[in-house]
């Protein structure tokens, strides 16, 4: 069963370990010192930032991380994506990773994404859609989005999170169920 909870400061060593793994580091360009992890994830963990960092659990054991935020809270990010596709202000975006390399390629990514998207409709009742940009080069990620039921609605250049990603991105979308 896939569940999640807000990331806590006690989870930072685990997140740091995940960020150092090659399959994550390629796409998540983060400094991994304890200070950098605390700087980057601390404000959301303490509720000082509007984004949500969710520690995803598989049968009670840590599986991955999902970051969820409303575009309305990050207008520069919304404007960048709006150059490629319509982005309602109340729409939500996700970023995600599976930390354990042994869990990659087992169908857990789509399950994790599908579960968090489903919860988003309850957690953010004004959100009309979830939009997720993903680097074209990250085939595993965009395939997971497709398997989770999102559809590709745009492509174009965006500022990459990681130099390995390149500027070419696809944008995936799912609408709030009727």
N, C-alpha and C. Protein backbone atom coordinates (compact mmCIF):
# COMPACT_ATOMS: atom_id res chain seq x y z
N UNK A 1 0.84 -1.17 0.00
CA UNK A 1 0.00 0.00 0.00
C UNK A 1 0.89 1.24 0.00
N UNK A 2 0.55 2.22 -0.82
CA UNK A 2 1.29 3.47 -0.89
C UNK A 2 0.59 4.52 -0.03
N UNK A 3 1.36 5.08 0.89
CA UNK A 3 0.89 6.16 1.76
C UNK A 3 1.99 7.22 1.79
N UNK A 4 1.73 8.30 2.48
CA UNK A 4 2.75 9.34 2.62
C UNK A 4 2.43 10.20 3.81
N UNK A 5 3.45 10.96 4.17
CA UNK A 5 3.33 11.94 5.23
C UNK A 5 4.26 13.10 4.90
N UNK A 6 4.06 14.23 5.58
CA UNK A 6 4.95 15.37 5.38
C UNK A 6 6.37 14.96 5.75
N UNK A 7 7.32 15.42 4.97
CA UNK A 7 8.72 15.20 5.27
C UNK A 7 9.06 15.93 6.57
N UNK A 8 9.82 15.29 7.43
CA UNK A 8 10.25 15.89 8.70
C UNK A 8 11.78 16.02 8.70
N UNK A 9 12.26 16.87 9.56
CA UNK A 9 13.71 17.08 9.62
C UNK A 9 14.46 15.78 9.92
N UNK A 10 13.85 14.87 10.64
CA UNK A 10 14.48 13.58 10.92
C UNK A 10 14.65 12.72 9.68
N UNK A 11 13.96 13.08 8.59
CA UNK A 11 14.07 12.34 7.32
C UNK A 11 15.21 12.85 6.45
N UNK A 12 15.82 13.96 6.82
CA UNK A 12 16.83 14.57 5.95
C UNK A 12 18.01 13.64 5.64
N UNK A 13 18.50 12.83 6.59
CA UNK A 13 19.60 11.91 6.22
C UNK A 13 19.19 10.93 5.12
N UNK A 14 17.96 10.45 5.15
CA UNK A 14 17.47 9.55 4.10
C UNK A 14 17.38 10.29 2.77
N UNK A 15 16.82 11.48 2.77
CA UNK A 15 16.72 12.26 1.53
C UNK A 15 18.11 12.54 0.98
N UNK A 16 19.03 12.88 1.85
CA UNK A 16 20.42 13.12 1.43
C UNK A 16 20.99 11.88 0.75
N UNK A 17 20.78 10.73 1.33
CA UNK A 17 21.24 9.47 0.74
C UNK A 17 20.64 9.27 -0.65
N UNK A 18 19.33 9.52 -0.77
CA UNK A 18 18.66 9.37 -2.06
C UNK A 18 19.22 10.34 -3.09
N UNK A 19 19.42 11.58 -2.69
CA UNK A 19 19.93 12.59 -3.63
C UNK A 19 21.33 12.26 -4.13
N UNK A 20 22.07 11.47 -3.38
CA UNK A 20 23.42 11.08 -3.78
C UNK A 20 23.43 9.87 -4.71
N UNK A 21 22.33 9.15 -4.81
CA UNK A 21 22.27 7.97 -5.67
C UNK A 21 22.31 8.40 -7.13
N UNK A 22 23.10 7.73 -7.96
CA UNK A 22 23.25 8.15 -9.37
C UNK A 22 21.92 8.28 -10.12
N UNK A 23 20.97 7.36 -9.90
CA UNK A 23 19.71 7.41 -10.65
C UNK A 23 18.87 8.62 -10.25
N UNK A 24 19.11 9.19 -9.08
CA UNK A 24 18.41 10.40 -8.64
C UNK A 24 19.23 11.63 -8.99
N UNK A 25 20.52 11.59 -8.69
CA UNK A 25 21.40 12.75 -8.89
C UNK A 25 21.41 13.22 -10.34
N UNK A 26 21.19 12.30 -11.27
CA UNK A 26 21.17 12.68 -12.69
C UNK A 26 20.08 13.71 -12.98
N UNK A 27 18.95 13.61 -12.28
CA UNK A 27 17.80 14.47 -12.57
C UNK A 27 17.54 15.51 -11.48
N UNK A 28 17.97 15.24 -10.27
CA UNK A 28 17.78 16.17 -9.15
C UNK A 28 19.14 16.77 -8.82
N UNK A 29 19.39 17.96 -9.28
CA UNK A 29 20.67 18.61 -9.12
C UNK A 29 20.69 19.36 -7.79
N UNK A 30 20.99 18.65 -6.71
CA UNK A 30 21.00 19.22 -5.37
C UNK A 30 22.35 19.04 -4.72
N UNK A 31 22.74 20.04 -3.95
CA UNK A 31 23.87 19.83 -3.05
C UNK A 31 23.42 18.82 -2.00
N UNK A 32 24.34 17.98 -1.53
CA UNK A 32 23.93 16.93 -0.61
C UNK A 32 24.59 17.01 0.76
N UNK A 33 25.22 18.10 1.07
CA UNK A 33 25.73 18.23 2.43
C UNK A 33 24.54 18.30 3.38
N UNK A 34 24.72 17.92 4.64
CA UNK A 34 23.61 18.03 5.59
C UNK A 34 23.04 19.46 5.66
N UNK A 35 23.93 20.45 5.57
CA UNK A 35 23.48 21.84 5.62
C UNK A 35 22.63 22.20 4.40
N UNK A 36 23.04 21.73 3.23
CA UNK A 36 22.29 22.03 2.01
C UNK A 36 20.92 21.35 2.01
N UNK A 37 20.86 20.13 2.46
CA UNK A 37 19.57 19.42 2.53
C UNK A 37 18.65 20.14 3.51
N UNK A 38 19.19 20.54 4.65
CA UNK A 38 18.37 21.29 5.63
C UNK A 38 17.91 22.62 5.05
N UNK A 39 18.78 23.30 4.31
CA UNK A 39 18.43 24.58 3.69
C UNK A 39 17.33 24.40 2.64
N UNK A 40 17.45 23.35 1.81
CA UNK A 40 16.52 23.17 0.70
C UNK A 40 15.18 22.56 1.11
N UNK A 41 15.20 21.68 2.11
CA UNK A 41 13.97 20.98 2.49
C UNK A 41 13.39 21.45 3.82
N UNK A 42 14.18 22.17 4.62
CA UNK A 42 13.73 22.61 5.93
C UNK A 42 12.52 23.52 5.93
N UNK A 43 12.49 24.55 5.07
CA UNK A 43 11.32 25.45 5.11
C UNK A 43 9.99 24.74 4.84
N UNK A 44 9.96 23.82 3.90
CA UNK A 44 8.71 23.09 3.64
C UNK A 44 8.39 22.16 4.81
N UNK A 45 9.40 21.50 5.36
CA UNK A 45 9.17 20.59 6.48
C UNK A 45 8.62 21.33 7.70
N UNK A 46 9.06 22.56 7.89
CA UNK A 46 8.58 23.36 9.03
C UNK A 46 7.31 24.14 8.71
N UNK A 47 6.79 24.04 7.49
CA UNK A 47 5.58 24.75 7.12
C UNK A 47 5.81 26.22 6.84
N UNK A 48 7.05 26.62 6.59
CA UNK A 48 7.39 28.01 6.32
C UNK A 48 7.29 28.34 4.83
N UNK A 49 7.11 27.34 4.02
CA UNK A 49 7.02 27.51 2.57
C UNK A 49 5.73 26.84 2.12
N UNK A 50 5.07 27.34 1.08
CA UNK A 50 3.78 26.77 0.68
C UNK A 50 3.87 25.41 -0.02
N UNK A 51 5.05 25.01 -0.46
CA UNK A 51 5.15 23.70 -1.10
C UNK A 51 5.08 22.60 -0.07
N UNK A 52 4.77 21.40 -0.54
CA UNK A 52 4.69 20.23 0.33
C UNK A 52 5.73 19.22 -0.12
N UNK A 53 6.55 18.76 0.80
CA UNK A 53 7.46 17.65 0.54
C UNK A 53 6.88 16.44 1.26
N UNK A 54 6.54 15.43 0.48
CA UNK A 54 5.88 14.25 1.01
C UNK A 54 6.80 13.05 0.95
N UNK A 55 7.03 12.40 2.09
CA UNK A 55 7.78 11.16 2.12
C UNK A 55 6.79 10.05 1.78
N UNK A 56 7.03 9.37 0.68
CA UNK A 56 6.13 8.32 0.22
C UNK A 56 6.60 6.98 0.78
N UNK A 57 5.65 6.22 1.28
CA UNK A 57 5.93 4.94 1.91
C UNK A 57 5.26 3.81 1.14
N UNK A 58 5.94 2.71 1.02
CA UNK A 58 5.38 1.49 0.44
C UNK A 58 5.30 0.47 1.57
N UNK A 59 4.08 0.11 1.93
CA UNK A 59 3.86 -0.81 3.05
C UNK A 59 4.62 -0.34 4.30
N UNK A 60 4.59 0.98 4.53
CA UNK A 60 5.18 1.56 5.72
C UNK A 60 6.67 1.84 5.64
N UNK A 61 7.32 1.47 4.54
CA UNK A 61 8.76 1.69 4.39
C UNK A 61 9.02 2.79 3.36
N UNK A 62 10.00 3.66 3.61
CA UNK A 62 10.26 4.77 2.68
C UNK A 62 10.54 4.29 1.26
N UNK A 63 9.84 4.90 0.32
CA UNK A 63 9.98 4.58 -1.10
C UNK A 63 10.54 5.75 -1.87
N UNK A 64 10.01 6.94 -1.62
CA UNK A 64 10.40 8.08 -2.44
C UNK A 64 9.91 9.38 -1.85
N UNK A 65 10.04 10.39 -2.68
CA UNK A 65 9.68 11.75 -2.29
C UNK A 65 8.83 12.35 -3.39
N UNK A 66 7.78 13.06 -2.99
CA UNK A 66 6.99 13.85 -3.93
C UNK A 66 6.95 15.27 -3.40
N UNK A 67 7.28 16.21 -4.27
CA UNK A 67 7.11 17.62 -3.96
C UNK A 67 5.87 18.10 -4.69
N UNK A 68 4.99 18.78 -3.96
CA UNK A 68 3.73 19.24 -4.55
C UNK A 68 3.58 20.72 -4.22
N UNK A 69 3.20 21.49 -5.24
CA UNK A 69 2.96 22.91 -4.99
C UNK A 69 1.94 23.45 -5.98
N UNK A 70 1.34 24.57 -5.57
CA UNK A 70 0.40 25.28 -6.43
C UNK A 70 1.18 26.31 -7.24
N UNK A 71 0.86 26.41 -8.51
CA UNK A 71 1.51 27.42 -9.35
C UNK A 71 1.25 28.83 -8.83
N UNK A 72 0.09 29.05 -8.20
CA UNK A 72 -0.23 30.38 -7.68
C UNK A 72 0.80 30.84 -6.65
N UNK A 73 1.44 29.91 -5.98
CA UNK A 73 2.43 30.25 -4.97
C UNK A 73 3.82 30.51 -5.56
N UNK A 74 4.00 30.20 -6.82
CA UNK A 74 5.30 30.35 -7.49
C UNK A 74 5.09 30.99 -8.86
N UNK A 75 4.79 32.31 -8.89
CA UNK A 75 4.41 32.96 -10.14
C UNK A 75 5.48 32.93 -11.23
N UNK A 76 6.75 32.97 -10.87
CA UNK A 76 7.80 32.90 -11.89
C UNK A 76 7.80 31.54 -12.59
N UNK A 77 7.61 30.50 -11.81
CA UNK A 77 7.55 29.14 -12.37
C UNK A 77 6.31 29.01 -13.26
N UNK A 78 5.19 29.56 -12.80
CA UNK A 78 3.96 29.52 -13.59
C UNK A 78 4.17 30.24 -14.92
N UNK A 79 4.79 31.42 -14.89
CA UNK A 79 5.01 32.20 -16.11
C UNK A 79 5.91 31.45 -17.09
N UNK A 80 6.94 30.79 -16.57
CA UNK A 80 7.82 30.03 -17.46
C UNK A 80 7.05 28.91 -18.16
N UNK A 81 6.25 28.17 -17.41
CA UNK A 81 5.49 27.07 -18.00
C UNK A 81 4.37 27.59 -18.91
N UNK A 82 3.80 28.74 -18.58
CA UNK A 82 2.71 29.31 -19.37
C UNK A 82 3.15 29.69 -20.79
N UNK A 83 4.45 29.79 -21.01
CA UNK A 83 4.94 30.03 -22.37
C UNK A 83 4.72 28.81 -23.25
N UNK A 84 4.48 27.65 -22.62
CA UNK A 84 4.28 26.41 -23.38
C UNK A 84 2.83 25.94 -23.41
N UNK A 85 2.08 26.22 -22.35
CA UNK A 85 0.71 25.72 -22.25
C UNK A 85 -0.07 26.55 -21.24
N UNK A 86 -1.38 26.48 -21.29
CA UNK A 86 -2.21 27.19 -20.33
C UNK A 86 -1.96 26.62 -18.93
N UNK A 87 -1.77 27.51 -17.95
CA UNK A 87 -1.52 27.10 -16.57
C UNK A 87 -2.46 27.86 -15.64
N UNK A 88 -3.58 27.27 -15.27
CA UNK A 88 -4.46 27.95 -14.32
C UNK A 88 -3.71 28.21 -13.02
N UNK A 89 -3.96 29.36 -12.41
CA UNK A 89 -3.24 29.74 -11.19
C UNK A 89 -3.39 28.75 -10.05
N UNK A 90 -4.54 28.11 -9.97
CA UNK A 90 -4.77 27.15 -8.88
C UNK A 90 -4.31 25.73 -9.23
N UNK A 91 -3.77 25.56 -10.44
CA UNK A 91 -3.26 24.23 -10.82
C UNK A 91 -2.09 23.86 -9.92
N UNK A 92 -1.82 22.58 -9.85
CA UNK A 92 -0.79 22.03 -8.98
C UNK A 92 0.25 21.32 -9.85
N UNK A 93 1.48 21.29 -9.38
CA UNK A 93 2.51 20.51 -10.04
C UNK A 93 3.16 19.56 -9.04
N UNK A 94 3.78 18.53 -9.55
CA UNK A 94 4.49 17.54 -8.74
C UNK A 94 5.89 17.34 -9.29
N UNK A 95 6.78 17.00 -8.41
CA UNK A 95 8.08 16.46 -8.77
C UNK A 95 8.26 15.24 -7.88
N UNK A 96 9.01 14.27 -8.31
CA UNK A 96 9.00 12.99 -7.61
C UNK A 96 10.29 12.24 -7.86
N UNK A 97 10.57 11.33 -6.95
CA UNK A 97 11.69 10.42 -7.11
C UNK A 97 11.41 9.15 -6.33
N UNK A 98 11.98 8.08 -6.81
CA UNK A 98 12.04 6.82 -6.06
C UNK A 98 13.48 6.71 -5.59
N UNK A 99 13.67 6.62 -4.28
CA UNK A 99 15.01 6.67 -3.72
C UNK A 99 15.83 5.41 -3.85
N UNK A 100 15.20 4.27 -3.64
CA UNK A 100 15.91 3.00 -3.65
C UNK A 100 16.02 2.48 -5.08
N UNK A 101 17.25 2.33 -5.60
CA UNK A 101 17.38 1.88 -7.00
C UNK A 101 16.78 0.49 -7.24
N UNK A 102 16.66 -0.32 -6.19
CA UNK A 102 16.05 -1.65 -6.36
C UNK A 102 14.55 -1.57 -6.59
N UNK A 103 13.94 -0.41 -6.29
CA UNK A 103 12.49 -0.25 -6.49
C UNK A 103 12.16 0.39 -7.84
N UNK A 104 13.18 0.86 -8.56
CA UNK A 104 12.98 1.49 -9.86
C UNK A 104 12.66 0.42 -10.90
N UNK A 105 11.75 0.75 -11.81
CA UNK A 105 11.40 -0.17 -12.89
C UNK A 105 10.44 -1.27 -12.49
N UNK A 106 9.76 -1.11 -11.37
CA UNK A 106 8.83 -2.13 -10.88
C UNK A 106 7.38 -1.66 -10.91
N UNK A 107 7.12 -0.55 -11.59
CA UNK A 107 5.75 -0.03 -11.69
C UNK A 107 5.32 0.80 -10.50
N UNK A 108 6.24 1.10 -9.60
CA UNK A 108 5.87 1.87 -8.41
C UNK A 108 5.75 3.37 -8.69
N UNK A 109 6.51 3.88 -9.64
CA UNK A 109 6.41 5.29 -9.99
C UNK A 109 5.00 5.68 -10.42
N UNK A 110 4.42 4.99 -11.39
CA UNK A 110 3.04 5.32 -11.78
C UNK A 110 2.05 5.18 -10.62
N UNK A 111 2.22 4.17 -9.79
CA UNK A 111 1.33 4.00 -8.64
C UNK A 111 1.45 5.17 -7.68
N UNK A 112 2.68 5.59 -7.42
CA UNK A 112 2.94 6.71 -6.52
C UNK A 112 2.33 7.99 -7.08
N UNK A 113 2.56 8.27 -8.34
CA UNK A 113 2.03 9.47 -8.99
C UNK A 113 0.50 9.45 -8.98
N UNK A 114 -0.08 8.33 -9.38
CA UNK A 114 -1.54 8.20 -9.42
C UNK A 114 -2.14 8.46 -8.04
N UNK A 115 -1.53 7.91 -7.00
CA UNK A 115 -2.06 8.06 -5.64
C UNK A 115 -2.00 9.53 -5.19
N UNK A 116 -0.89 10.20 -5.44
CA UNK A 116 -0.76 11.59 -5.01
C UNK A 116 -1.68 12.50 -5.84
N UNK A 117 -1.80 12.23 -7.13
CA UNK A 117 -2.73 13.02 -7.95
C UNK A 117 -4.16 12.86 -7.41
N UNK A 118 -4.55 11.63 -7.13
CA UNK A 118 -5.91 11.38 -6.60
C UNK A 118 -6.12 12.16 -5.30
N UNK A 119 -5.14 12.16 -4.42
CA UNK A 119 -5.25 12.89 -3.15
C UNK A 119 -5.26 14.40 -3.37
N UNK A 120 -4.63 14.85 -4.43
CA UNK A 120 -4.56 16.28 -4.70
C UNK A 120 -5.95 16.88 -4.88
N UNK A 121 -6.86 16.13 -5.47
CA UNK A 121 -8.21 16.65 -5.68
C UNK A 121 -8.89 16.94 -4.33
N UNK A 122 -8.56 16.19 -3.28
CA UNK A 122 -9.13 16.43 -1.95
C UNK A 122 -8.33 17.49 -1.19
N UNK A 123 -7.01 17.40 -1.30
CA UNK A 123 -6.14 18.31 -0.55
C UNK A 123 -6.16 19.73 -1.10
N UNK A 124 -6.43 19.86 -2.39
CA UNK A 124 -6.46 21.17 -3.06
C UNK A 124 -7.75 21.25 -3.88
N UNK A 125 -8.88 21.46 -3.21
CA UNK A 125 -10.18 21.38 -3.88
C UNK A 125 -10.40 22.40 -4.99
N UNK A 126 -9.62 23.46 -5.04
CA UNK A 126 -9.76 24.45 -6.11
C UNK A 126 -8.87 24.15 -7.31
N UNK A 127 -8.03 23.13 -7.21
CA UNK A 127 -7.10 22.81 -8.31
C UNK A 127 -7.88 22.19 -9.48
N UNK A 128 -7.84 22.82 -10.66
CA UNK A 128 -8.54 22.26 -11.81
C UNK A 128 -7.72 21.20 -12.54
N UNK A 129 -6.40 21.19 -12.30
CA UNK A 129 -5.54 20.28 -13.05
C UNK A 129 -4.21 20.12 -12.33
N UNK A 130 -3.52 19.05 -12.70
CA UNK A 130 -2.13 18.84 -12.30
C UNK A 130 -1.32 18.89 -13.59
N UNK A 131 -0.30 19.74 -13.61
CA UNK A 131 0.60 19.85 -14.77
C UNK A 131 2.01 19.53 -14.31
N UNK A 132 2.70 18.71 -15.08
CA UNK A 132 4.05 18.29 -14.70
C UNK A 132 4.97 18.39 -15.90
N UNK A 133 5.94 19.30 -15.85
CA UNK A 133 6.97 19.31 -16.89
C UNK A 133 8.02 18.25 -16.57
N UNK A 134 8.52 17.61 -17.60
CA UNK A 134 9.53 16.56 -17.41
C UNK A 134 10.52 16.64 -18.57
N UNK A 135 11.81 16.49 -18.29
CA UNK A 135 12.78 16.54 -19.38
C UNK A 135 12.53 15.44 -20.41
N UNK A 136 12.62 15.81 -21.67
CA UNK A 136 12.46 14.82 -22.74
C UNK A 136 13.45 13.68 -22.55
N UNK A 137 14.65 14.00 -22.07
CA UNK A 137 15.68 12.98 -21.88
C UNK A 137 15.34 11.97 -20.78
N UNK A 138 14.41 12.30 -19.90
CA UNK A 138 14.06 11.41 -18.79
C UNK A 138 12.87 10.53 -19.19
N UNK A 139 13.15 9.61 -20.08
CA UNK A 139 12.10 8.74 -20.62
C UNK A 139 11.35 7.97 -19.53
N UNK A 140 12.08 7.45 -18.55
CA UNK A 140 11.42 6.69 -17.48
C UNK A 140 10.39 7.54 -16.76
N UNK A 141 10.71 8.82 -16.56
CA UNK A 141 9.79 9.70 -15.85
C UNK A 141 8.55 9.99 -16.67
N UNK A 142 8.72 10.35 -17.94
CA UNK A 142 7.51 10.66 -18.70
C UNK A 142 6.70 9.41 -19.02
N UNK A 143 7.34 8.28 -19.10
CA UNK A 143 6.56 7.03 -19.27
C UNK A 143 5.75 6.73 -18.01
N UNK A 144 6.33 7.01 -16.83
CA UNK A 144 5.59 6.82 -15.58
C UNK A 144 4.36 7.73 -15.54
N UNK A 145 4.51 8.97 -16.01
CA UNK A 145 3.36 9.88 -16.06
C UNK A 145 2.27 9.35 -16.99
N UNK A 146 2.67 8.84 -18.14
CA UNK A 146 1.69 8.29 -19.07
C UNK A 146 0.98 7.09 -18.46
N UNK A 147 1.72 6.22 -17.82
CA UNK A 147 1.11 5.04 -17.17
C UNK A 147 0.20 5.44 -16.02
N UNK A 148 0.47 6.61 -15.42
CA UNK A 148 -0.36 7.11 -14.31
C UNK A 148 -1.61 7.82 -14.82
N UNK A 149 -1.74 7.96 -16.15
CA UNK A 149 -2.95 8.55 -16.72
C UNK A 149 -2.84 10.00 -17.14
N UNK A 150 -1.65 10.58 -17.07
CA UNK A 150 -1.48 11.95 -17.54
C UNK A 150 -1.23 11.93 -19.04
N UNK A 151 -1.60 13.01 -19.70
CA UNK A 151 -1.38 13.07 -21.15
C UNK A 151 -0.46 14.24 -21.49
N UNK A 152 0.32 14.02 -22.51
CA UNK A 152 1.25 15.06 -22.97
C UNK A 152 0.44 16.14 -23.68
N UNK A 153 0.65 17.40 -23.24
CA UNK A 153 -0.11 18.51 -23.82
C UNK A 153 0.78 19.55 -24.48
N UNK A 154 2.08 19.48 -24.23
CA UNK A 154 2.97 20.50 -24.82
C UNK A 154 4.40 20.00 -24.78
N UNK A 155 5.23 20.68 -25.56
CA UNK A 155 6.66 20.47 -25.45
C UNK A 155 7.36 21.76 -25.83
N UNK A 156 8.54 21.93 -25.26
CA UNK A 156 9.30 23.13 -25.51
C UNK A 156 10.48 23.22 -24.57
N UNK A 157 11.11 24.37 -24.57
CA UNK A 157 12.30 24.54 -23.75
C UNK A 157 11.96 25.22 -22.43
N UNK A 158 12.50 24.64 -21.35
CA UNK A 158 12.38 25.18 -20.01
C UNK A 158 13.74 25.13 -19.35
N UNK A 159 13.92 25.93 -18.32
CA UNK A 159 15.17 25.88 -17.56
C UNK A 159 15.23 24.52 -16.86
N UNK A 160 16.30 23.75 -17.08
CA UNK A 160 16.36 22.42 -16.47
C UNK A 160 16.73 22.47 -14.99
N UNK A 161 16.26 21.48 -14.24
CA UNK A 161 16.65 21.34 -12.84
C UNK A 161 18.08 20.82 -12.74
N UNK A 162 18.49 20.08 -13.74
CA UNK A 162 19.81 19.46 -13.74
C UNK A 162 20.45 19.66 -15.11
N UNK A 163 21.75 19.91 -15.16
CA UNK A 163 22.42 20.06 -16.46
C UNK A 163 22.24 18.83 -17.36
N UNK A 164 22.13 17.66 -16.77
CA UNK A 164 21.97 16.43 -17.56
C UNK A 164 20.63 16.39 -18.28
N UNK A 165 19.66 17.15 -17.79
CA UNK A 165 18.31 17.08 -18.33
C UNK A 165 18.18 17.74 -19.69
N UNK A 166 18.92 18.80 -19.94
CA UNK A 166 18.73 19.56 -21.16
C UNK A 166 17.49 20.43 -21.06
N UNK A 167 17.34 21.36 -21.98
CA UNK A 167 16.22 22.31 -21.95
C UNK A 167 14.91 21.74 -22.52
N UNK A 168 14.99 20.72 -23.36
CA UNK A 168 13.79 20.17 -23.98
C UNK A 168 12.93 19.45 -22.94
N UNK A 169 11.67 19.86 -22.86
CA UNK A 169 10.73 19.28 -21.89
C UNK A 169 9.41 18.93 -22.56
N UNK A 170 8.76 17.93 -22.02
CA UNK A 170 7.35 17.64 -22.29
C UNK A 170 6.56 18.16 -21.09
N UNK A 171 5.31 18.52 -21.33
CA UNK A 171 4.43 18.91 -20.24
C UNK A 171 3.26 17.93 -20.27
N UNK A 172 3.00 17.35 -19.11
CA UNK A 172 1.89 16.40 -18.94
C UNK A 172 0.82 17.03 -18.07
N UNK A 173 -0.42 16.59 -18.30
CA UNK A 173 -1.57 17.20 -17.60
C UNK A 173 -2.63 16.15 -17.34
N UNK A 174 -3.29 16.34 -16.22
CA UNK A 174 -4.51 15.59 -15.93
C UNK A 174 -5.50 16.57 -15.31
N UNK A 175 -6.73 16.47 -15.74
CA UNK A 175 -7.79 17.36 -15.25
C UNK A 175 -8.47 16.75 -14.05
N UNK A 176 -9.00 17.62 -13.21
CA UNK A 176 -9.83 17.16 -12.09
C UNK A 176 -10.99 16.34 -12.65
N UNK A 177 -11.26 15.18 -12.08
CA UNK A 177 -12.39 14.38 -12.58
C UNK A 177 -13.70 15.14 -12.45
N UNK A 178 -14.57 14.91 -13.46
CA UNK A 178 -15.86 15.60 -13.53
C UNK A 178 -16.71 15.34 -12.39
